[in-house]
Amino acid sequence: MPNNGLYEILDDRFRTGRCANGDSRLEVLYDGCRWAEGPLYVPAWRQLIWSDIPNDRILRWDEATGTVGVFRTPAGHSNGNTVDRQGRLVTCEQGNRRVTRTEPDGAVTVLADRYDGKRLNSPNDSVVRSDGTIWFSDPDFGITSDYEGHRAESEIGACNVYRIDPLSGDVHLAASGFEGPNGVVLSPDESRLYVSDSRAARIHVYGIREDGTLSDGEVFAEGRGGVHFDNIRFDDEGRLWAAALDDGVHCYAPDGTLIGRLRVPEPVSNIAFGGPRNNRLFITATTSLYSLVMSVTGAPRL
């Protein structure tokens, strides 16, 4: 199928879905990171924040002025960022081995730092459901060396996905059996949880029961040629977009078919939709923050 430099069309649904009708090139917003992850657009601030993990800082890009500054440092070698229904920042701190919430007055509340009395490995990404339930991934990426955290032995001895109960605050095991769980995202109707397993080059999907527990998972997609995934995000038509490291950004139809790809000049770590109309895709890729105004729109914000 015809391609356009930035866009690779692998299935006609990528074309008919207007996925390749946006900007013809990526815009570089910043290029001074060591390893960038965790982009989050905050509409109230008209800013994007993201993590520069080895430099132990969270940066912010201002949409009105285009300037970049430091939001927080030290930042616990933070990785994924999201917000809850009250607009409070929820951050996975790899170095501090915990999940935190930033309160309106700037105070930091620890939401999770242990499971079954043992320290977490290095929380990576999280997602908040409308009732306040939080799911987060806990690979060992931040404890295997001192580059993105602090070298240490795993106390748990496994890499899992956990759930934080919104009423009790208790941490429950949600899903296990991963090699390196990474990105987590809810389906737009909140009925399913999607988890990327970076080391296994797969994206898994789980049904969510009424009590918040998960059904047995199944494989939603596998990386072509062993491509590894990082974080994942939905658009408003149910397509799943995945940061695919050396293979750019992948786009999957709701049935799990890879229908298209965005070519990016650096390995892609994370993606996030944002901007006033939620149709600007922000891409963290190794040292840089890129953006692309698209003709598709991200799933509705919280």
Protein backbone atom coordinates (compact mmCIF):
# COMPACT_ATOMS: atom_id res chain seq x y z
CA MET A 1 0.00 0.00 0.00
CA PRO A 2 1.18 3.60 -0.56
CA ASN A 3 3.20 5.20 2.21
CA ASN A 4 4.02 8.78 3.04
CA GLY A 5 7.42 9.12 4.70
CA LEU A 6 6.14 9.41 8.23
CA TYR A 7 3.21 7.01 7.77
CA GLU A 8 3.37 3.34 6.79
CA ILE A 9 -0.01 1.95 5.70
CA LEU A 10 -0.22 -1.80 6.34
CA ASP A 11 -4.00 -2.23 6.11
CA ASP A 12 -6.58 -0.16 4.27
CA ARG A 13 -8.26 0.64 7.61
CA PHE A 14 -5.32 2.90 8.44
CA ARG A 15 -6.12 4.98 5.35
CA THR A 16 -9.94 4.95 5.57
CA GLY A 17 -9.70 5.76 9.27
CA ARG A 18 -7.82 8.97 8.38
CA CYS A 19 -4.86 7.84 10.47
CA ALA A 20 -2.38 9.10 7.85
CA ASN A 21 -4.00 12.49 7.21
CA GLY A 22 -2.21 14.58 9.82
CA ASP A 23 1.06 16.49 9.75
CA SER A 24 3.57 15.26 7.20
CA ARG A 25 6.50 15.53 9.58
CA LEU A 26 7.30 15.31 13.27
CA GLU A 27 7.92 18.48 15.24
CA VAL A 28 10.84 18.39 17.68
CA LEU A 29 9.83 20.13 20.91
CA TYR A 30 12.94 19.27 22.96
CA ASP A 31 16.06 17.15 22.48
CA GLY A 32 18.07 17.39 25.70
CA CYS A 33 17.08 14.20 27.56
CA ARG A 34 19.05 11.07 28.35
CA TRP A 35 16.01 8.75 28.20
CA ALA A 36 12.56 10.31 28.00
CA GLU A 37 9.32 8.63 29.06
CA GLY A 38 5.98 9.31 30.77
CA PRO A 39 4.40 12.11 28.68
CA LEU A 40 1.17 13.54 30.11
CA TYR A 41 -0.76 16.50 28.72
CA VAL A 42 -2.53 18.55 31.40
CA PRO A 43 -5.29 20.66 29.78
CA ALA A 44 -5.73 22.99 32.75
CA TRP A 45 -2.07 23.98 32.54
CA ARG A 46 -1.79 23.80 28.74
CA GLN A 47 1.43 21.96 29.44
CA LEU A 48 2.95 18.56 28.81
CA ILE A 49 5.04 16.98 31.53
CA TRP A 50 7.36 14.04 30.97
CA SER A 51 10.14 12.13 32.73
CA ASP A 52 13.85 12.24 31.94
CA ILE A 53 14.63 9.17 33.99
CA PRO A 54 18.47 8.98 34.14
CA ASN A 55 18.64 12.73 34.86
CA ASP A 56 16.14 12.21 37.71
CA ARG A 57 13.80 15.01 36.68
CA ILE A 58 10.32 15.68 35.36
CA LEU A 59 10.25 18.32 32.63
CA ARG A 60 7.38 20.46 31.35
CA TRP A 61 6.72 21.97 27.94
CA ASP A 62 4.47 25.03 27.82
CA GLU A 63 2.08 25.00 24.87
CA ALA A 64 1.58 28.78 24.75
CA THR A 65 5.25 29.74 24.73
CA GLY A 66 7.04 26.57 23.59
CA THR A 67 9.44 26.86 26.51
CA VAL A 68 10.74 23.87 28.50
CA GLY A 69 11.53 23.94 32.20
CA VAL A 70 11.97 21.62 35.16
CA PHE A 71 8.78 20.56 36.91
CA ARG A 72 10.43 18.46 39.63
CA THR A 73 13.95 17.37 40.55
CA PRO A 74 14.91 15.10 42.15
CA ALA A 75 11.95 13.06 41.02
CA GLY A 76 12.68 9.56 42.27
CA HIS A 77 13.72 8.52 38.74
CA SER A 78 10.07 8.87 37.79
CA ASN A 79 8.66 7.03 34.80
CA GLY A 80 4.92 6.99 33.95
CA ASN A 81 2.61 9.90 34.82
CA THR A 82 -1.19 10.11 34.79
CA VAL A 83 -3.97 12.00 36.59
CA ASP A 84 -6.93 10.90 38.67
CA ARG A 85 -10.50 12.19 38.46
CA GLN A 86 -9.62 15.08 40.76
CA GLY A 87 -6.82 16.16 38.44
CA ARG A 88 -4.08 15.06 40.84
CA LEU A 89 -0.83 13.80 39.37
CA VAL A 90 -0.12 10.08 39.88
CA THR A 91 3.50 9.12 39.26
CA CYS A 92 5.42 5.85 39.15
CA GLU A 93 8.78 6.49 40.81
CA GLN A 94 11.25 3.81 39.69
CA GLY A 95 14.09 4.96 41.93
CA ASN A 96 11.96 5.30 45.04
CA ARG A 97 10.13 2.05 44.18
CA ARG A 98 6.70 3.53 44.79
CA VAL A 99 3.56 5.05 43.29
CA THR A 100 2.74 8.56 44.50
CA ARG A 101 0.06 11.22 44.18
CA THR A 102 0.78 14.94 44.14
CA GLU A 103 -1.87 16.84 46.12
CA PRO A 104 -3.21 20.29 45.13
CA ASP A 105 -0.91 21.93 47.69
CA GLY A 106 2.13 20.13 46.26
CA ALA A 107 2.42 17.53 49.03
CA VAL A 108 3.34 14.03 47.86
CA THR A 109 1.29 11.10 49.13
CA VAL A 110 2.62 7.54 48.85
CA LEU A 111 -0.08 5.29 47.40
CA ALA A 112 1.93 2.06 47.16
CA ASP A 113 5.47 1.02 47.97
CA ARG A 114 5.01 -2.58 49.11
CA TYR A 115 3.08 -5.72 48.32
CA ASP A 116 2.65 -8.41 50.97
CA GLY A 117 5.20 -6.57 53.11
CA LYS A 118 7.90 -6.60 50.42
CA ARG A 119 9.22 -3.59 48.56
CA LEU A 120 8.01 -3.13 45.01
CA ASN A 121 10.55 -3.52 42.21
CA SER A 122 10.26 -0.27 40.23
CA PRO A 123 6.74 0.87 39.27
CA ASN A 124 6.60 1.85 35.62
CA ASP A 125 3.14 2.92 34.40
CA SER A 126 -0.32 3.36 35.90
CA VAL A 127 -3.92 4.01 34.93
CA VAL A 128 -6.83 5.30 37.05
CA ARG A 129 -10.41 4.11 36.61
CA SER A 130 -13.36 6.47 37.13
CA ASP A 131 -14.05 4.98 40.59
CA GLY A 132 -10.47 5.72 41.70
CA THR A 133 -9.06 2.21 41.26
CA ILE A 134 -5.42 2.31 40.14
CA TRP A 135 -3.61 -0.42 38.24
CA PHE A 136 0.16 -0.21 37.85
CA SER A 137 2.95 -2.29 36.36
CA ASP A 138 6.01 -3.26 38.39
CA PRO A 139 8.89 -4.58 36.26
CA ASP A 140 12.47 -4.68 37.50
CA PHE A 141 13.86 -2.12 35.02
CA GLY A 142 14.78 0.37 37.77
CA ILE A 143 16.67 -2.10 39.95
CA THR A 144 18.79 -3.90 37.34
CA SER A 145 21.30 -1.01 37.27
CA ASP A 146 21.90 2.49 38.58
CA TYR A 147 21.02 4.12 35.24
CA GLU A 148 17.25 4.48 35.75
CA GLY A 149 17.08 3.87 39.48
CA HIS A 150 19.15 2.03 42.08
CA ARG A 151 20.57 -1.45 41.63
CA ALA A 152 19.03 -3.91 44.05
CA GLU A 153 17.67 -7.42 44.37
CA SER A 154 13.95 -7.93 43.89
CA GLU A 155 12.23 -8.66 47.19
CA ILE A 156 9.12 -9.98 45.44
CA GLY A 157 11.01 -12.12 42.93
CA ALA A 158 8.59 -11.49 40.08
CA CYS A 159 7.35 -8.73 37.79
CA ASN A 160 3.60 -8.18 38.21
CA VAL A 161 0.67 -5.84 37.73
CA TYR A 162 -1.06 -4.59 40.88
CA ARG A 163 -4.33 -2.91 41.82
CA ILE A 164 -4.76 -0.22 44.48
CA ASP A 165 -8.20 -0.34 46.09
CA PRO A 166 -9.76 3.16 46.05
CA LEU A 167 -11.41 2.78 49.46
CA SER A 168 -8.91 0.88 51.58
CA GLY A 169 -5.72 1.78 49.72
CA ASP A 170 -4.69 -1.88 49.88
CA VAL A 171 -2.40 -3.22 47.16
CA HIS A 172 -3.62 -6.41 45.46
CA LEU A 173 -1.95 -8.66 42.93
CA ALA A 174 -3.89 -8.14 39.69
CA ALA A 175 -1.97 -10.19 37.11
CA SER A 176 1.26 -12.19 37.03
CA GLY A 177 3.35 -14.30 34.66
CA PHE A 178 5.01 -11.37 32.85
CA GLU A 179 8.62 -11.06 31.78
CA GLY A 180 8.59 -7.27 31.89
CA PRO A 181 5.16 -5.62 32.30
CA ASN A 182 5.25 -2.06 31.08
CA GLY A 183 2.44 0.08 29.63
CA VAL A 184 -1.07 -0.19 31.09
CA VAL A 185 -4.27 1.36 29.72
CA LEU A 186 -8.01 0.90 30.15
CA SER A 187 -10.33 0.41 27.21
CA PRO A 188 -12.47 3.53 26.71
CA ASP A 189 -15.48 1.81 28.32
CA GLU A 190 -13.30 0.64 31.26
CA SER A 191 -14.29 -2.99 30.75
CA ARG A 192 -10.80 -4.24 29.86
CA LEU A 193 -7.22 -3.65 30.95
CA TYR A 194 -4.42 -3.81 28.37
CA VAL A 195 -0.83 -4.51 29.46
CA SER A 196 2.29 -4.51 27.32
CA ASP A 197 4.96 -7.06 28.22
CA SER A 198 8.13 -5.54 26.82
CA ARG A 199 10.45 -8.51 27.15
CA ALA A 200 7.89 -10.93 25.73
CA ALA A 201 7.02 -8.57 22.82
CA ARG A 202 3.30 -8.92 23.49
CA ILE A 203 0.26 -6.89 24.49
CA HIS A 204 -2.19 -8.70 26.77
CA VAL A 205 -5.84 -7.89 27.45
CA TYR A 206 -7.88 -8.75 30.56
CA GLY A 207 -11.57 -8.44 31.34
CA ILE A 208 -12.34 -6.48 34.51
CA ARG A 209 -14.86 -7.97 36.91
CA GLU A 210 -17.20 -5.87 39.07
CA ASP A 211 -14.92 -6.23 42.10
CA GLY A 212 -11.88 -5.02 40.13
CA THR A 213 -10.24 -8.41 39.75
CA LEU A 214 -9.14 -9.48 36.28
CA SER A 215 -10.16 -12.41 34.13
CA ASP A 216 -7.57 -14.71 32.61
CA GLY A 217 -5.71 -12.68 30.03
CA GLU A 218 -5.21 -13.34 26.35
CA VAL A 219 -2.73 -12.02 23.81
CA PHE A 220 -4.08 -9.00 21.92
CA ALA A 221 -1.02 -8.43 19.71
CA GLU A 222 2.54 -9.66 19.20
CA GLY A 223 5.40 -7.54 17.96
CA ARG A 224 6.31 -8.20 14.35
CA GLY A 225 9.79 -9.62 14.09
CA GLY A 226 10.15 -9.59 17.86
CA VAL A 227 9.46 -5.86 18.17
CA HIS A 228 9.16 -4.84 21.82
CA PHE A 229 6.44 -2.56 23.19
CA ASP A 230 6.53 0.16 25.80
CA ASN A 231 3.41 2.19 26.65
CA ILE A 232 0.02 2.02 24.90
CA ARG A 233 -2.87 4.47 24.35
CA PHE A 234 -6.34 4.40 22.72
CA ASP A 235 -7.88 6.80 20.25
CA ASP A 236 -11.60 7.60 20.29
CA GLU A 237 -12.43 5.00 17.64
CA GLY A 238 -11.03 2.08 19.62
CA ARG A 239 -7.67 1.76 17.87
CA LEU A 240 -4.73 0.99 20.12
CA TRP A 241 -1.49 2.92 19.53
CA ALA A 242 1.72 1.42 20.90
CA ALA A 243 5.20 2.79 21.43
CA ALA A 244 7.27 0.12 19.67
CA LEU A 245 10.81 1.24 20.48
CA ASP A 246 12.99 0.71 17.36
CA ASP A 247 9.92 0.20 15.16
CA GLY A 248 8.27 3.57 15.77
CA VAL A 249 4.61 3.84 16.79
CA HIS A 250 2.23 1.00 15.89
CA CYS A 251 -1.52 1.32 15.32
CA TYR A 252 -3.78 -1.69 15.96
CA ALA A 253 -7.40 -2.12 14.92
CA PRO A 254 -9.81 -3.23 17.66
CA ASP A 255 -9.41 -6.83 16.45
CA GLY A 256 -5.65 -6.74 17.10
CA THR A 257 -4.53 -6.31 13.48
CA LEU A 258 -1.51 -4.08 12.93
CA ILE A 259 -2.85 -1.58 10.37
CA GLY A 260 -0.20 1.12 10.28
CA ARG A 261 2.94 2.63 11.69
CA LEU A 262 4.53 6.01 12.34
CA ARG A 263 8.23 6.16 11.52
CA VAL A 264 10.26 7.95 14.19
CA PRO A 265 14.02 8.64 13.93
CA GLU A 266 14.78 7.46 17.50
CA PRO A 267 13.57 4.47 19.54
CA VAL A 268 10.12 5.35 20.88
CA SER A 269 9.47 4.91 24.59
CA ASN A 270 6.04 6.47 25.24
CA ILE A 271 3.15 8.27 23.58
CA ALA A 272 0.26 10.45 24.78
CA PHE A 273 -2.60 12.30 23.14
CA GLY A 274 -3.11 15.93 24.11
CA GLY A 275 -3.59 19.48 22.93
CA PRO A 276 -6.82 21.52 23.09
CA ARG A 277 -8.65 19.04 20.83
CA ASN A 278 -6.82 15.93 22.07
CA ASN A 279 -5.56 15.30 18.52
CA ARG A 280 -1.90 16.05 19.07
CA LEU A 281 0.24 12.97 19.61
CA PHE A 282 3.24 13.55 21.87
CA ILE A 283 6.09 11.06 21.47
CA THR A 284 9.02 10.56 23.81
CA ALA A 285 11.86 8.90 21.93
CA THR A 286 15.26 8.39 23.57
CA THR A 287 16.62 11.95 23.92
CA SER A 288 13.72 13.85 22.37
CA LEU A 289 10.12 14.98 22.72
CA TYR A 290 8.24 15.05 19.41
CA SER A 291 4.69 15.99 18.50
CA LEU A 292 2.36 15.37 15.59
CA VAL A 293 -1.04 17.00 15.01
CA MET A 294 -3.28 14.22 13.71
CA SER A 295 -6.67 13.77 12.09
CA VAL A 296 -7.52 11.19 14.75
CA THR A 297 -8.40 12.05 18.33
CA GLY A 298 -7.30 10.41 21.55
CA ALA A 299 -9.80 8.60 23.73
CA PRO A 300 -11.80 11.04 25.90
CA ARG A 301 -9.85 12.43 28.82
CA LEU A 302 -10.87 11.68 32.38
